[in-house]
Amino acid sequence: MEGSGASRVFDEKMQEEEVEDTYFVNNDMLISSSAASTSRIEVRSVWAHNLDEEFALIRSAVPFHPFVALDTEYPGVVVASKNPYCTLTLPQRYELIRANVEALRIVQVGLTLSDAAGNLPCAIYSDGTCVRYVWEFNFRDFDINRDRYAPSSVELLKANGIDFQKNQIWGIDSCRFAHHLATSGLLSFGHFSPVSWVTFQGAYDFAFLVKMLTCDCKLPKTVREFLHLVHFFFGKRVFDVKHLCKHCPGLYGGLERVASTVRVERAVGSRHQSGSDSLLTWQVFYQIASRVNPQLIDRPEHMGTLYDLQLQ
């Protein structure tokens, strides 16, 4: 993909003859990069006990699915500005994000992998069942009896199926997750990587991942230093759908509204579940990249730009 525009890659991939690539076998499950169009989508729920095997699947899928959409769930916002958000300067907006991420602990991370033609990794079972997958990682870090949180946000997460007690017992330690992420093939570490990251209003998403990847260290003090770390870990091919929407007439609002505008329906799960939201984020991005405004993602100024943290 190096040296060619993202939209051209989409066009080329969609015009290619489909070739079925089988690349992982696990008992009665065969992971394939292509499968019948009738395959359903499921969320693979990841806990401490199955983290190793799920990242083994991800490592096998990455060469064939170099697009990854990201979503995080966390217990709200606990540090607020005294001034209206729209009046804050760039340093003030970043300081607000930094203060909240340092004060909060992660609850979930959702990852959706795809190829340039929009195909998710597919598991073909011995009985012929074909299932496409996204991943949802559940963390143990947040303790509702100890840590800070916004009550309304916690109630919203509970209402959408997150069981904080279960997370405490069975959840993943974020340091262990960071180790697996670092060896997954998804990160660039300052080198060229064919992987593209997609998010929606993703400053908080990447801030939590940077926090985990730097062993829970404090985030950088300036937005430039923070974006340097984002580009170091995730490469320059980072796309924020909320930022892209500013350049697409008629696209505005939250993820649900934008999805409705581009006629994408939620395929699995519900709002505020990270696996489901990462999939919806990917599907909206795919519509923008392939149909709404394909030239947009070729423009360098939109790569590596996070909504609300645009450098002038």
Protein backbone atom coordinates (compact mmCIF):
# COMPACT_ATOMS: atom_id res chain seq x y z
CA MET A 1 0.00 0.00 0.00
CA GLU A 2 3.01 2.30 0.34
CA GLY A 3 3.16 4.93 -2.37
CA SER A 4 -0.50 4.72 -3.42
CA GLY A 5 -3.52 6.63 -2.19
CA ALA A 6 -6.00 5.03 0.17
CA SER A 7 -8.95 5.47 -2.17
CA ARG A 8 -7.00 3.87 -5.04
CA VAL A 9 -6.26 0.92 -2.77
CA PHE A 10 -9.98 0.57 -2.08
CA ASP A 11 -10.75 0.67 -5.81
CA GLU A 12 -8.06 -1.85 -6.72
CA LYS A 13 -9.09 -4.29 -4.01
CA MET A 14 -12.75 -4.16 -4.94
CA GLN A 15 -11.92 -4.80 -8.59
CA GLU A 16 -9.67 -7.78 -7.89
CA GLU A 17 -10.97 -11.29 -8.37
CA GLU A 18 -11.72 -12.75 -4.96
CA VAL A 19 -9.21 -15.33 -3.83
CA GLU A 20 -9.84 -17.31 -0.69
CA ASP A 21 -6.81 -17.18 1.61
CA THR A 22 -6.81 -19.66 4.45
CA TYR A 23 -4.34 -18.70 7.11
CA PHE A 24 -5.15 -20.15 10.53
CA VAL A 25 -6.46 -23.45 11.80
CA ASN A 26 -7.68 -23.93 15.35
CA ASN A 27 -9.40 -27.24 16.14
CA ASP A 28 -12.60 -27.22 14.07
CA MET A 29 -12.26 -23.55 13.08
CA LEU A 30 -10.66 -22.35 9.86
CA ILE A 31 -9.96 -18.62 9.60
CA SER A 32 -10.33 -17.28 6.07
CA SER A 33 -10.06 -13.85 4.44
CA SER A 34 -13.13 -14.46 2.28
CA ALA A 35 -16.36 -16.35 2.74
CA ALA A 36 -19.97 -16.53 1.69
CA SER A 37 -21.85 -13.24 1.71
CA THR A 38 -24.46 -14.86 3.96
CA SER A 39 -22.02 -15.10 6.87
CA ARG A 40 -23.18 -13.48 10.11
CA ILE A 41 -21.12 -11.20 12.40
CA GLU A 42 -20.36 -11.98 16.02
CA VAL A 43 -18.41 -10.20 18.74
CA ARG A 44 -15.56 -12.26 20.22
CA SER A 45 -15.61 -11.43 23.91
CA VAL A 46 -12.07 -11.46 25.30
CA TRP A 47 -11.16 -12.00 28.96
CA ALA A 48 -7.99 -12.89 30.84
CA HIS A 49 -8.43 -16.62 30.20
CA ASN A 50 -8.65 -16.38 26.38
CA LEU A 51 -6.46 -13.31 25.71
CA ASP A 52 -3.53 -15.33 24.36
CA GLU A 53 -5.53 -17.32 21.84
CA GLU A 54 -7.51 -14.29 20.65
CA PHE A 55 -4.37 -12.28 19.96
CA ALA A 56 -2.98 -15.31 18.11
CA LEU A 57 -6.02 -15.03 15.81
CA ILE A 58 -5.47 -11.30 15.42
CA ARG A 59 -1.80 -11.76 14.54
CA SER A 60 -2.83 -14.25 11.86
CA ALA A 61 -5.51 -11.92 10.51
CA VAL A 62 -3.47 -8.70 10.31
CA PRO A 63 -1.58 -9.47 7.04
CA PHE A 64 -4.89 -9.96 5.23
CA HIS A 65 -6.87 -7.27 7.10
CA PRO A 66 -4.69 -4.14 7.42
CA PHE A 67 -7.51 -1.80 8.49
CA VAL A 68 -8.37 -1.67 12.19
CA ALA A 69 -11.20 0.36 13.72
CA LEU A 70 -10.93 1.26 17.38
CA ASP A 71 -13.40 2.12 20.12
CA THR A 72 -12.97 2.38 23.88
CA GLU A 73 -15.38 2.47 26.78
CA TYR A 74 -14.44 4.23 30.01
CA PRO A 75 -16.40 5.47 33.05
CA GLY A 76 -17.26 8.95 31.83
CA VAL A 77 -15.58 12.31 32.24
CA VAL A 78 -14.61 13.42 35.75
CA VAL A 79 -12.66 16.61 35.01
CA ALA A 80 -14.63 19.45 33.44
CA SER A 81 -13.67 22.87 32.17
CA LYS A 82 -15.01 26.01 33.80
CA ASN A 83 -15.47 27.51 30.33
CA PRO A 84 -17.67 26.29 27.45
CA TYR A 85 -15.86 23.62 25.48
CA CYS A 86 -16.25 25.50 22.20
CA THR A 87 -14.20 28.38 23.64
CA LEU A 88 -11.20 26.27 24.66
CA THR A 89 -7.89 26.60 22.86
CA LEU A 90 -6.10 23.54 21.46
CA PRO A 91 -3.77 23.27 24.51
CA GLN A 92 -6.78 23.58 26.83
CA ARG A 93 -8.71 20.87 24.97
CA TYR A 94 -5.74 18.52 25.16
CA GLU A 95 -5.17 19.28 28.85
CA LEU A 96 -8.81 18.33 29.53
CA ILE A 97 -8.37 15.01 27.70
CA ARG A 98 -5.07 14.36 29.48
CA ALA A 99 -6.52 15.08 32.92
CA ASN A 100 -9.46 12.76 32.38
CA VAL A 101 -7.48 9.85 30.92
CA GLU A 102 -4.95 10.04 33.75
CA ALA A 103 -7.78 10.05 36.30
CA LEU A 104 -9.78 7.21 34.70
CA ARG A 105 -9.32 3.50 34.08
CA ILE A 106 -10.26 1.65 30.92
CA VAL A 107 -13.34 -0.62 30.82
CA GLN A 108 -13.40 -2.01 27.24
CA VAL A 109 -11.49 -1.85 23.97
CA GLY A 110 -13.13 -2.86 20.69
CA LEU A 111 -11.18 -3.75 17.54
CA THR A 112 -12.60 -4.42 14.07
CA LEU A 113 -10.19 -5.71 11.42
CA SER A 114 -11.00 -5.52 7.72
CA ASP A 115 -9.45 -5.72 4.29
CA ALA A 116 -9.78 -2.89 1.76
CA ALA A 117 -12.90 -4.48 0.28
CA GLY A 118 -14.71 -4.34 3.62
CA ASN A 119 -14.35 -8.05 4.50
CA LEU A 120 -13.89 -8.94 8.16
CA PRO A 121 -11.91 -12.03 9.28
CA CYS A 122 -14.13 -15.07 8.82
CA ALA A 123 -14.22 -18.33 10.72
CA ILE A 124 -15.42 -21.36 8.76
CA TYR A 125 -16.32 -24.21 11.09
CA SER A 126 -16.27 -27.90 10.24
CA ASP A 127 -20.06 -27.91 9.95
CA GLY A 128 -19.89 -25.24 7.24
CA THR A 129 -21.00 -22.38 9.48
CA CYS A 130 -19.40 -19.10 8.43
CA VAL A 131 -19.00 -16.30 10.97
CA ARG A 132 -17.24 -12.94 10.65
CA TYR A 133 -15.71 -11.55 13.81
CA VAL A 134 -14.86 -8.38 15.70
CA TRP A 135 -13.11 -8.30 19.08
CA GLU A 136 -14.17 -6.83 22.42
CA PHE A 137 -11.62 -6.77 25.26
CA ASN A 138 -12.91 -6.53 28.84
CA PHE A 139 -10.61 -5.05 31.49
CA ARG A 140 -10.28 -5.48 35.22
CA ASP A 141 -8.55 -2.14 35.88
CA PHE A 142 -11.65 -0.17 36.86
CA ASP A 143 -12.89 -0.72 40.42
CA ILE A 144 -16.23 0.96 40.99
CA ASN A 145 -15.60 0.96 44.75
CA ARG A 146 -12.21 2.67 44.45
CA ASP A 147 -11.86 4.67 41.25
CA ARG A 148 -13.34 7.92 40.03
CA TYR A 149 -16.22 7.85 37.57
CA ALA A 150 -19.20 9.78 36.29
CA PRO A 151 -22.33 8.11 37.75
CA SER A 152 -24.47 8.76 34.67
CA SER A 153 -21.84 7.17 32.41
CA VAL A 154 -21.52 4.09 34.61
CA GLU A 155 -25.30 3.66 34.63
CA LEU A 156 -25.33 3.97 30.84
CA LEU A 157 -22.65 1.29 30.51
CA LYS A 158 -24.56 -0.98 32.88
CA ALA A 159 -27.76 -0.45 30.88
CA ASN A 160 -25.91 -1.55 27.74
CA GLY A 161 -24.68 -4.81 29.22
CA ILE A 162 -21.38 -4.10 30.95
CA ASP A 163 -21.04 -6.07 34.19
CA PHE A 164 -18.42 -4.33 36.32
CA GLN A 165 -18.28 -7.14 38.86
CA LYS A 166 -17.60 -9.68 36.11
CA ASN A 167 -14.89 -7.42 34.69
CA GLN A 168 -13.22 -7.29 38.11
CA ILE A 169 -13.16 -11.07 38.40
CA TRP A 170 -12.50 -12.20 34.82
CA GLY A 171 -11.16 -9.10 33.12
CA ILE A 172 -7.80 -8.43 31.48
CA ASP A 173 -4.96 -6.54 33.12
CA SER A 174 -4.16 -3.58 30.85
CA CYS A 175 -0.39 -4.19 31.06
CA ARG A 176 -0.87 -7.71 29.71
CA PHE A 177 -3.07 -6.36 26.93
CA ALA A 178 -0.42 -3.76 26.04
CA HIS A 179 2.22 -6.49 25.73
CA HIS A 180 0.04 -8.45 23.30
CA LEU A 181 -0.85 -5.32 21.34
CA ALA A 182 2.85 -4.47 21.00
CA THR A 183 3.57 -7.88 19.44
CA SER A 184 0.38 -8.17 17.37
CA GLY A 185 1.63 -6.59 14.15
CA LEU A 186 -0.86 -3.73 14.53
CA LEU A 187 1.69 -1.14 15.69
CA SER A 188 4.35 0.64 13.66
CA PHE A 189 6.88 1.77 16.31
CA GLY A 190 8.11 4.57 14.10
CA HIS A 191 8.48 2.47 10.94
CA PHE A 192 6.30 2.24 7.86
CA SER A 193 3.29 0.02 8.47
CA PRO A 194 0.56 -1.04 6.04
CA VAL A 195 -1.96 -0.89 8.91
CA SER A 196 -4.50 1.95 8.91
CA TRP A 197 -6.30 2.90 12.12
CA VAL A 198 -9.86 4.26 12.10
CA THR A 199 -11.73 5.86 14.97
CA PHE A 200 -14.60 8.25 15.67
CA GLN A 201 -13.69 11.32 17.74
CA GLY A 202 -10.70 9.26 18.76
CA ALA A 203 -8.54 11.46 20.98
CA TYR A 204 -9.69 9.62 24.11
CA ASP A 205 -9.38 6.23 22.38
CA PHE A 206 -5.75 6.77 21.44
CA ALA A 207 -4.96 8.46 24.75
CA PHE A 208 -6.04 5.33 26.63
CA LEU A 209 -3.99 3.08 24.34
CA VAL A 210 -0.93 5.33 24.68
CA LYS A 211 -1.40 5.24 28.46
CA MET A 212 -1.40 1.43 28.39
CA LEU A 213 1.51 1.15 25.96
CA THR A 214 3.66 3.42 28.13
CA CYS A 215 3.02 1.31 31.25
CA ASP A 216 0.46 3.65 32.77
CA CYS A 217 2.85 6.60 32.66
CA LYS A 218 1.51 10.12 32.60
CA LEU A 219 0.57 11.37 29.15
CA PRO A 220 2.79 14.00 27.50
CA LYS A 221 2.23 17.58 28.63
CA THR A 222 1.73 19.01 25.14
CA VAL A 223 -0.50 18.01 22.26
CA ARG A 224 2.48 17.87 19.89
CA GLU A 225 4.24 15.35 22.09
CA PHE A 226 1.05 13.33 22.40
CA LEU A 227 0.47 13.24 18.63
CA HIS A 228 4.10 12.26 18.17
CA LEU A 229 3.47 9.20 20.35
CA VAL A 230 0.24 8.40 18.47
CA HIS A 231 2.12 8.48 15.17
CA PHE A 232 5.03 6.50 16.65
CA PHE A 233 2.79 3.67 17.85
CA PHE A 234 0.05 3.71 15.22
CA GLY A 235 1.69 5.25 12.16
CA LYS A 236 0.58 8.16 10.01
CA ARG A 237 -2.40 6.31 8.51
CA VAL A 238 -4.77 7.28 11.32
CA PHE A 239 -8.24 8.42 10.29
CA ASP A 240 -10.77 10.07 12.58
CA VAL A 241 -14.23 9.75 11.04
CA LYS A 242 -15.55 12.70 13.05
CA HIS A 243 -12.82 14.87 11.48
CA LEU A 244 -13.59 13.54 7.99
CA CYS A 245 -17.26 14.39 8.47
CA LYS A 246 -16.35 18.09 8.64
CA HIS A 247 -15.42 17.82 4.97
CA CYS A 248 -18.52 15.87 3.87
CA PRO A 249 -21.65 18.00 3.41
CA GLY A 250 -24.56 16.70 5.46
CA LEU A 251 -22.45 14.54 7.79
CA TYR A 252 -22.42 15.79 11.37
CA GLY A 253 -23.32 14.72 14.89
CA GLY A 254 -22.50 11.53 16.75
CA LEU A 255 -21.67 8.10 15.37
CA GLU A 256 -25.29 6.92 15.30
CA ARG A 257 -26.47 9.96 13.34
CA VAL A 258 -23.63 9.78 10.83
CA ALA A 259 -24.25 6.05 10.34
CA SER A 260 -27.92 6.73 9.67
CA THR A 261 -27.04 9.43 7.14
CA VAL A 262 -24.77 7.10 5.15
CA ARG A 263 -27.36 4.30 5.52
CA VAL A 264 -25.36 1.97 7.73
CA GLU A 265 -27.26 -0.10 10.29
CA ARG A 266 -25.66 -1.54 13.41
CA ALA A 267 -24.93 -5.16 12.54
CA VAL A 268 -24.43 -6.57 16.03
CA GLY A 269 -24.59 -5.46 19.66
CA SER A 270 -25.67 -2.06 20.93
CA ARG A 271 -24.35 1.43 21.62
CA HIS A 272 -21.62 1.79 24.22
CA GLN A 273 -20.34 -1.72 23.61
CA SER A 274 -16.84 -1.32 22.23
CA GLY A 275 -16.92 -4.22 19.78
CA SER A 276 -20.19 -3.09 18.24
CA ASP A 277 -19.12 0.58 18.12
CA SER A 278 -15.77 -0.27 16.51
CA LEU A 279 -17.62 -2.18 13.78
CA LEU A 280 -20.04 0.69 13.17
CA THR A 281 -17.10 3.10 13.03
CA TRP A 282 -15.44 0.94 10.39
CA GLN A 283 -18.60 0.61 8.32
CA VAL A 284 -19.14 4.39 8.32
CA PHE A 285 -15.52 4.99 7.33
CA TYR A 286 -15.83 2.43 4.55
CA GLN A 287 -18.85 4.26 3.13
CA ILE A 288 -16.98 7.58 3.18
CA ALA A 289 -13.85 6.04 1.64
CA SER A 290 -15.60 4.06 -1.06
CA ARG A 291 -18.71 6.10 -1.88
CA VAL A 292 -19.29 9.45 -0.15
CA ASN A 293 -15.94 11.17 -0.73
CA PRO A 294 -13.19 8.72 -1.83
CA GLN A 295 -10.64 11.45 -2.54
CA LEU A 296 -10.82 12.73 1.02
CA ILE A 297 -8.64 10.05 2.57
CA ASP A 298 -5.90 10.58 -0.02
CA ARG A 299 -5.20 14.06 1.30
CA PRO A 300 -2.21 14.13 3.69
CA GLU A 301 -3.82 16.71 5.98
CA HIS A 302 -6.50 14.18 6.95
CA MET A 303 -4.06 11.40 7.85
CA GLY A 304 -3.00 11.41 11.48
CA THR A 305 -5.48 14.16 12.40
CA LEU A 306 -7.67 13.63 15.44
CA TYR A 307 -10.90 15.55 15.87
CA ASP A 308 -10.49 18.46 18.33
CA LEU A 309 -6.68 18.09 18.29
CA GLN A 310 -5.93 19.49 14.85
CA LEU A 311 -2.60 21.29 14.75
CA GLN A 312 -2.78 24.58 12.87
